[in-house]
Amino acid sequence: MIARCTKASHHQFKDYGGRGIQIFGPWLSDYATFLTDMGERPDGTTLDRKNNDGHYAPGNCRWATRLEQNRNKRNSH
């Protein structure tokens, strides 16, 4: 999440930071806050944004399975 949104050299930056996707400030500066908001990652899931045009922030993020993520891609809407 952080690399994709903040490092222009990351191979996926154009799809994240390059599109203006940002990370909720407290998450960026304090992993404990991210962990409090999101909880531990359940097995078989990865971080997903409910609204793909929205930022990584509380209320727009969830732990999702690969199937859920595949259904929530920009090219599948």
N, C-alpha and C. Protein backbone atom coordinates (compact mmCIF):
# COMPACT_ATOMS: atom_id res chain seq x y z
N MET A 1 0.83 -1.19 0.00
CA MET A 1 0.00 0.00 0.00
C MET A 1 0.87 1.26 0.00
N ILE A 2 1.81 1.33 0.93
CA ILE A 2 2.63 2.54 1.05
C ILE A 2 3.49 2.72 -0.19
N ALA A 3 4.16 1.67 -0.62
CA ALA A 3 5.03 1.79 -1.79
C ALA A 3 4.24 2.16 -3.05
N ARG A 4 3.10 1.50 -3.25
CA ARG A 4 2.29 1.78 -4.45
C ARG A 4 1.80 3.22 -4.50
N CYS A 5 1.57 3.81 -3.34
CA CYS A 5 1.02 5.16 -3.29
C CYS A 5 2.07 6.26 -3.18
N THR A 6 3.27 5.92 -2.73
CA THR A 6 4.24 6.99 -2.43
C THR A 6 5.54 6.92 -3.21
N LYS A 7 5.87 5.80 -3.78
CA LYS A 7 7.16 5.65 -4.47
C LYS A 7 6.97 5.59 -5.98
N ALA A 8 7.34 6.66 -6.64
CA ALA A 8 7.17 6.74 -8.09
C ALA A 8 7.91 5.62 -8.82
N SER A 9 8.91 5.03 -8.21
CA SER A 9 9.66 3.95 -8.85
C SER A 9 8.96 2.59 -8.72
N HIS A 10 7.91 2.49 -7.92
CA HIS A 10 7.20 1.23 -7.77
C HIS A 10 6.47 0.90 -9.07
N HIS A 11 6.50 -0.36 -9.47
CA HIS A 11 5.92 -0.75 -10.76
C HIS A 11 4.41 -0.53 -10.85
N GLN A 12 3.71 -0.38 -9.72
CA GLN A 12 2.27 -0.13 -9.76
C GLN A 12 1.91 1.31 -9.37
N PHE A 13 2.89 2.17 -9.23
CA PHE A 13 2.62 3.54 -8.81
C PHE A 13 1.61 4.24 -9.72
N LYS A 14 1.71 4.02 -11.01
CA LYS A 14 0.80 4.71 -11.94
C LYS A 14 -0.66 4.40 -11.67
N ASP A 15 -0.94 3.22 -11.12
CA ASP A 15 -2.31 2.81 -10.83
C ASP A 15 -2.78 3.22 -9.44
N TYR A 16 -1.90 3.75 -8.63
CA TYR A 16 -2.24 4.13 -7.26
C TYR A 16 -1.85 5.58 -7.02
N GLY A 17 -0.65 5.83 -6.56
CA GLY A 17 -0.22 7.21 -6.30
C GLY A 17 -0.31 8.09 -7.53
N GLY A 18 -0.03 7.52 -8.67
CA GLY A 18 -0.11 8.27 -9.92
C GLY A 18 -1.53 8.70 -10.28
N ARG A 19 -2.52 8.01 -9.72
CA ARG A 19 -3.93 8.37 -9.93
C ARG A 19 -4.45 9.25 -8.80
N GLY A 20 -3.57 9.55 -7.84
CA GLY A 20 -3.98 10.40 -6.74
C GLY A 20 -4.48 9.65 -5.51
N ILE A 21 -4.35 8.32 -5.51
CA ILE A 21 -4.77 7.53 -4.35
C ILE A 21 -3.81 7.83 -3.20
N GLN A 22 -4.37 8.20 -2.06
CA GLN A 22 -3.56 8.55 -0.90
C GLN A 22 -3.86 7.62 0.26
N ILE A 23 -3.03 7.71 1.28
CA ILE A 23 -3.18 6.90 2.49
C ILE A 23 -3.55 7.82 3.64
N PHE A 24 -4.56 7.43 4.39
CA PHE A 24 -4.98 8.15 5.60
C PHE A 24 -3.73 8.45 6.43
N GLY A 25 -3.51 9.72 6.73
CA GLY A 25 -2.30 10.18 7.40
C GLY A 25 -1.86 9.36 8.60
N PRO A 26 -2.75 9.11 9.56
CA PRO A 26 -2.33 8.31 10.71
C PRO A 26 -1.87 6.89 10.34
N TRP A 27 -2.42 6.31 9.29
CA TRP A 27 -1.97 4.99 8.86
C TRP A 27 -0.56 5.06 8.29
N LEU A 28 -0.29 6.14 7.58
CA LEU A 28 1.01 6.29 6.95
C LEU A 28 2.11 6.47 7.99
N SER A 29 1.79 7.13 9.07
CA SER A 29 2.83 7.43 10.06
C SER A 29 2.85 6.50 11.26
N ASP A 30 1.81 5.66 11.43
CA ASP A 30 1.75 4.83 12.63
C ASP A 30 1.03 3.52 12.35
N TYR A 31 1.80 2.45 12.22
CA TYR A 31 1.21 1.14 11.93
C TYR A 31 0.22 0.72 13.01
N ALA A 32 0.46 1.09 14.25
CA ALA A 32 -0.44 0.71 15.34
C ALA A 32 -1.85 1.26 15.10
N THR A 33 -1.94 2.44 14.54
CA THR A 33 -3.25 3.03 14.23
C THR A 33 -3.93 2.22 13.12
N PHE A 34 -3.17 1.86 12.09
CA PHE A 34 -3.72 1.01 11.03
C PHE A 34 -4.24 -0.30 11.62
N LEU A 35 -3.45 -0.92 12.48
CA LEU A 35 -3.82 -2.19 13.08
C LEU A 35 -5.07 -2.04 13.96
N THR A 36 -5.17 -0.96 14.68
CA THR A 36 -6.36 -0.71 15.51
C THR A 36 -7.60 -0.55 14.62
N ASP A 37 -7.46 0.17 13.52
CA ASP A 37 -8.60 0.42 12.63
C ASP A 37 -9.00 -0.82 11.83
N MET A 38 -8.02 -1.56 11.35
CA MET A 38 -8.29 -2.67 10.43
C MET A 38 -8.27 -4.04 11.09
N GLY A 39 -7.58 -4.18 12.19
CA GLY A 39 -7.43 -5.48 12.82
C GLY A 39 -6.40 -6.31 12.09
N GLU A 40 -6.09 -7.45 12.66
CA GLU A 40 -5.14 -8.37 12.03
C GLU A 40 -5.73 -8.88 10.72
N ARG A 41 -4.84 -9.15 9.77
CA ARG A 41 -5.29 -9.66 8.47
C ARG A 41 -5.74 -11.12 8.62
N PRO A 42 -6.98 -11.41 8.28
CA PRO A 42 -7.42 -12.80 8.30
C PRO A 42 -6.72 -13.61 7.21
N ASP A 43 -6.45 -14.87 7.48
CA ASP A 43 -5.84 -15.74 6.48
C ASP A 43 -6.64 -15.71 5.19
N GLY A 44 -5.93 -15.70 4.08
CA GLY A 44 -6.58 -15.76 2.77
C GLY A 44 -7.12 -14.44 2.28
N THR A 45 -6.75 -13.34 2.93
CA THR A 45 -7.24 -12.02 2.51
C THR A 45 -6.09 -11.05 2.30
N THR A 46 -6.39 -9.99 1.57
CA THR A 46 -5.46 -8.87 1.42
C THR A 46 -6.27 -7.58 1.52
N LEU A 47 -5.58 -6.49 1.64
CA LEU A 47 -6.23 -5.20 1.80
C LEU A 47 -6.90 -4.76 0.50
N ASP A 48 -8.13 -4.31 0.61
CA ASP A 48 -8.92 -3.91 -0.56
C ASP A 48 -9.61 -2.59 -0.25
N ARG A 49 -9.73 -1.74 -1.28
CA ARG A 49 -10.51 -0.51 -1.14
C ARG A 49 -11.89 -0.76 -1.71
N LYS A 50 -12.92 -0.46 -0.96
CA LYS A 50 -14.30 -0.67 -1.42
C LYS A 50 -14.58 0.18 -2.65
N ASN A 51 -14.18 1.44 -2.60
CA ASN A 51 -14.31 2.35 -3.74
C ASN A 51 -12.91 2.49 -4.32
N ASN A 52 -12.70 1.95 -5.51
CA ASN A 52 -11.37 1.96 -6.11
C ASN A 52 -10.85 3.35 -6.45
N ASP A 53 -11.70 4.32 -6.48
CA ASP A 53 -11.25 5.69 -6.71
C ASP A 53 -11.02 6.42 -5.40
N GLY A 54 -11.33 5.76 -4.28
CA GLY A 54 -11.15 6.35 -2.96
C GLY A 54 -9.78 6.04 -2.39
N HIS A 55 -9.49 6.67 -1.30
CA HIS A 55 -8.19 6.52 -0.65
C HIS A 55 -8.16 5.32 0.28
N TYR A 56 -6.95 4.96 0.69
CA TYR A 56 -6.78 3.97 1.75
C TYR A 56 -7.10 4.68 3.05
N ALA A 57 -8.27 4.42 3.58
CA ALA A 57 -8.74 5.12 4.79
C ALA A 57 -9.80 4.29 5.48
N PRO A 58 -10.00 4.54 6.78
CA PRO A 58 -11.08 3.82 7.48
C PRO A 58 -12.40 4.06 6.75
N GLY A 59 -13.19 3.05 6.69
CA GLY A 59 -14.48 3.16 6.00
C GLY A 59 -14.40 2.82 4.53
N ASN A 60 -13.20 2.89 3.93
CA ASN A 60 -13.07 2.53 2.53
C ASN A 60 -12.20 1.29 2.34
N CYS A 61 -11.70 0.72 3.43
CA CYS A 61 -10.84 -0.46 3.32
C CYS A 61 -11.46 -1.64 4.04
N ARG A 62 -11.11 -2.81 3.54
CA ARG A 62 -11.58 -4.05 4.14
C ARG A 62 -10.55 -5.13 3.82
N TRP A 63 -10.63 -6.22 4.54
CA TRP A 63 -9.86 -7.42 4.21
C TRP A 63 -10.73 -8.24 3.27
N ALA A 64 -10.21 -8.57 2.10
CA ALA A 64 -11.02 -9.26 1.09
C ALA A 64 -10.25 -10.44 0.51
N THR A 65 -11.01 -11.44 0.11
CA THR A 65 -10.41 -12.60 -0.56
C THR A 65 -10.04 -12.19 -1.99
N ARG A 66 -9.29 -13.04 -2.65
CA ARG A 66 -8.90 -12.78 -4.05
C ARG A 66 -10.15 -12.69 -4.92
N LEU A 67 -11.14 -13.54 -4.70
CA LEU A 67 -12.38 -13.50 -5.47
C LEU A 67 -13.09 -12.17 -5.27
N GLU A 68 -13.20 -11.71 -4.04
CA GLU A 68 -13.84 -10.42 -3.76
C GLU A 68 -13.07 -9.29 -4.44
N GLN A 69 -11.76 -9.36 -4.39
CA GLN A 69 -10.97 -8.31 -5.03
C GLN A 69 -11.12 -8.33 -6.54
N ASN A 70 -11.15 -9.51 -7.11
CA ASN A 70 -11.32 -9.60 -8.57
C ASN A 70 -12.66 -9.02 -9.02
N ARG A 71 -13.67 -9.12 -8.19
CA ARG A 71 -14.98 -8.54 -8.52
C ARG A 71 -15.01 -7.04 -8.31
N ASN A 72 -14.00 -6.49 -7.64
CA ASN A 72 -13.99 -5.07 -7.28
C ASN A 72 -12.88 -4.32 -8.02
N LYS A 73 -12.55 -4.73 -9.21
CA LYS A 73 -11.51 -4.06 -9.99
C LYS A 73 -12.12 -2.99 -10.87
N ARG A 74 -11.31 -2.00 -11.20
CA ARG A 74 -11.82 -0.92 -12.07
C ARG A 74 -12.34 -1.45 -13.39
N ASN A 75 -11.69 -2.48 -13.96
CA ASN A 75 -12.11 -2.97 -15.26
C ASN A 75 -13.27 -3.96 -15.20
N SER A 76 -13.80 -4.23 -14.00
CA SER A 76 -14.94 -5.15 -13.92
C SER A 76 -16.22 -4.45 -13.48
N HIS A 77 -16.21 -3.12 -13.46
CA HIS A 77 -17.41 -2.38 -13.08
C HIS A 77 -18.24 -2.04 -14.28
